[in-house]
Amino acid sequence: MENIGHLGEKVIAQWLIRKGYDILYFRWRCRWGEIDLIAKDNKSDILIFIEVKTRKIRNWDSDGIFAINDTKQEKLLLTAETFLSENSSFSNLNCRFDIALLNYYKKSSFNQEETTFIINDKNISYQGYQFCIIDYIENAFN
């Protein structure tokens, strides 16, 4: 079974696809770190680097926002710069950094049809979990 962080990334990816985004990369890595999702907003032609934080309900770090400190932002910037230097076809696009904050809980019963995503606005059922998108922050930092 996948870890909950990876499931959260898949949930956000599906949610963004429904909003008209193309998901280009999952967990893109380099020596500086990892970017959870890299997407393209086809309506505005913007390349988006997305950090996903998946937390249990009643967590200690405000649904993951405290984990996006100055050090984490610097690592994400360096990783994005490396991505752009290695993928020059994207270098002419405007870029932004978004943050997705998710809560989840494990459902008491698991329905076999939940191997697919059941999306109802910001509430998503998937693989026996109920996810809720607490916040999606566009252009969270520069």
Protein backbone atom coordinates (compact mmCIF):
# COMPACT_ATOMS: atom_id res chain seq x y z
CA MET A 1 0.00 0.00 0.00
CA GLU A 2 1.19 3.48 -0.82
CA ASN A 3 2.01 5.92 1.90
CA ILE A 4 -0.54 8.60 2.71
CA GLY A 5 1.61 11.42 1.29
CA HIS A 6 1.68 9.79 -2.13
CA LEU A 7 -2.06 9.19 -1.98
CA GLY A 8 -2.55 12.88 -1.16
CA GLU A 9 -0.48 13.86 -4.19
CA LYS A 10 -2.64 11.63 -6.40
CA VAL A 11 -5.78 13.20 -4.95
CA ILE A 12 -4.56 16.73 -5.69
CA ALA A 13 -3.47 15.67 -9.18
CA GLN A 14 -6.95 14.33 -9.96
CA TRP A 15 -8.57 17.45 -8.53
CA LEU A 16 -6.34 19.67 -10.70
CA ILE A 17 -7.04 17.57 -13.81
CA ARG A 18 -10.76 18.18 -13.24
CA LYS A 19 -9.97 21.91 -13.15
CA GLY A 20 -8.26 21.71 -16.56
CA TYR A 21 -4.62 21.32 -15.59
CA ASP A 22 -2.16 18.90 -17.16
CA ILE A 23 0.00 17.01 -14.67
CA LEU A 24 3.48 16.82 -16.20
CA TYR A 25 5.51 15.21 -13.40
CA PHE A 26 4.97 13.43 -10.09
CA ARG A 27 7.70 13.72 -7.46
CA TRP A 28 10.37 15.28 -9.69
CA ARG A 29 13.75 14.97 -7.96
CA CYS A 30 17.19 16.44 -8.13
CA ARG A 31 20.03 16.90 -5.66
CA TRP A 32 18.27 19.87 -4.00
CA GLY A 33 15.02 18.13 -3.26
CA GLU A 34 11.70 17.07 -4.69
CA ILE A 35 8.70 18.83 -6.16
CA ASP A 36 5.54 16.86 -5.50
CA LEU A 37 3.69 17.86 -8.68
CA ILE A 38 4.55 19.91 -11.73
CA ALA A 39 1.52 20.98 -13.72
CA LYS A 40 0.58 23.28 -16.56
CA ASP A 41 -2.48 25.49 -16.51
CA ASN A 42 -3.53 25.46 -20.14
CA LYS A 43 -5.88 28.43 -19.75
CA SER A 44 -3.09 30.78 -18.74
CA ASP A 45 -0.03 28.83 -19.94
CA ILE A 46 1.57 28.88 -16.48
CA LEU A 47 3.92 26.20 -15.19
CA ILE A 48 3.05 25.34 -11.59
CA PHE A 49 5.26 23.75 -8.96
CA ILE A 50 2.99 22.26 -6.31
CA GLU A 51 3.85 21.23 -2.76
CA VAL A 52 1.26 18.90 -1.22
CA LYS A 53 0.88 18.49 2.53
CA THR A 54 -1.39 15.67 3.73
CA ARG A 55 -2.22 15.61 7.42
CA LYS A 56 -4.58 13.82 9.79
CA ILE A 57 -7.42 15.86 11.21
CA ARG A 58 -6.35 17.70 14.39
CA ASN A 59 -2.68 17.93 13.46
CA TRP A 60 0.08 19.96 15.08
CA ASP A 61 1.27 22.11 12.16
CA SER A 62 -1.87 23.87 10.87
CA ASP A 63 -2.53 21.30 8.14
CA GLY A 64 1.08 21.39 6.95
CA ILE A 65 1.49 25.11 6.32
CA PHE A 66 4.14 25.44 9.05
CA ALA A 67 6.25 22.87 7.18
CA ILE A 68 6.66 25.34 4.30
CA ASN A 69 9.24 27.45 6.12
CA ASP A 70 12.00 29.57 4.58
CA THR A 71 14.36 26.59 4.28
CA LYS A 72 11.72 24.49 2.48
CA GLN A 73 10.90 27.39 0.14
CA GLU A 74 14.59 27.81 -0.72
CA LYS A 75 14.88 24.08 -1.53
CA LEU A 76 11.77 24.26 -3.72
CA LEU A 77 13.16 27.30 -5.57
CA LEU A 78 16.49 25.56 -6.21
CA THR A 79 14.72 22.40 -7.34
CA ALA A 80 12.49 24.39 -9.71
CA GLU A 81 15.50 26.22 -11.14
CA THR A 82 17.20 22.87 -11.75
CA PHE A 83 14.04 21.53 -13.40
CA LEU A 84 13.90 24.54 -15.74
CA SER A 85 17.59 24.28 -16.61
CA GLU A 86 17.14 20.59 -17.48
CA ASN A 87 13.84 21.13 -19.34
CA SER A 88 14.42 24.20 -21.48
CA SER A 89 11.15 23.72 -23.38
CA PHE A 90 9.39 25.13 -20.29
CA SER A 91 11.75 28.04 -19.72
CA ASN A 92 9.59 30.51 -21.67
CA LEU A 93 6.55 29.92 -19.42
CA ASN A 94 5.65 31.99 -16.39
CA CYS A 95 5.96 29.95 -13.19
CA ARG A 96 4.32 29.91 -9.80
CA PHE A 97 4.48 27.91 -6.58
CA ASP A 98 1.23 26.56 -5.15
CA ILE A 99 0.58 24.76 -1.87
CA ALA A 100 -2.16 22.16 -1.37
CA LEU A 101 -3.22 21.36 2.20
CA LEU A 102 -5.20 18.15 2.75
CA ASN A 103 -6.76 16.47 5.75
CA TYR A 104 -7.68 12.81 5.75
CA TYR A 105 -9.17 10.08 7.83
CA LYS A 106 -9.46 6.35 7.28
CA LYS A 107 -13.01 5.25 6.66
CA SER A 108 -14.45 2.52 8.84
CA SER A 109 -15.53 0.52 5.79
CA PHE A 110 -13.78 0.23 2.45
CA ASN A 111 -15.91 0.17 -0.68
CA GLN A 112 -14.30 -1.70 -3.60
CA GLU A 113 -15.35 1.00 -6.08
CA GLU A 114 -13.14 3.48 -4.23
CA THR A 115 -10.13 2.29 -6.18
CA THR A 116 -11.17 5.17 -8.43
CA PHE A 117 -11.47 8.75 -7.26
CA ILE A 118 -14.86 9.94 -6.04
CA ILE A 119 -14.62 13.73 -6.15
CA ASN A 120 -17.26 16.03 -4.69
CA ASP A 121 -15.87 19.57 -4.83
CA LYS A 122 -13.06 19.53 -2.23
CA ASN A 123 -13.99 16.18 -0.67
CA ILE A 124 -12.42 13.15 -2.27
CA SER A 125 -12.77 9.47 -1.41
CA TYR A 126 -9.98 7.18 -2.51
CA GLN A 127 -8.67 3.78 -1.38
CA GLY A 128 -10.54 3.72 1.91
CA TYR A 129 -9.68 7.28 2.90
CA GLN A 130 -11.71 10.46 2.96
CA PHE A 131 -9.64 13.48 1.93
CA CYS A 132 -10.63 17.11 2.28
CA ILE A 133 -8.78 19.93 0.55
CA ILE A 134 -8.44 22.44 3.37
CA ASP A 135 -6.75 25.07 1.24
CA TYR A 136 -5.18 25.45 -2.18
CA ILE A 137 -2.90 28.46 -2.14
CA GLU A 138 -1.99 29.77 -5.60
CA ASN A 139 1.24 31.73 -5.92
CA ALA A 140 2.08 30.97 -2.28
CA PHE A 141 5.62 32.36 -2.48
CA ASN A 142 8.16 33.69 -4.99
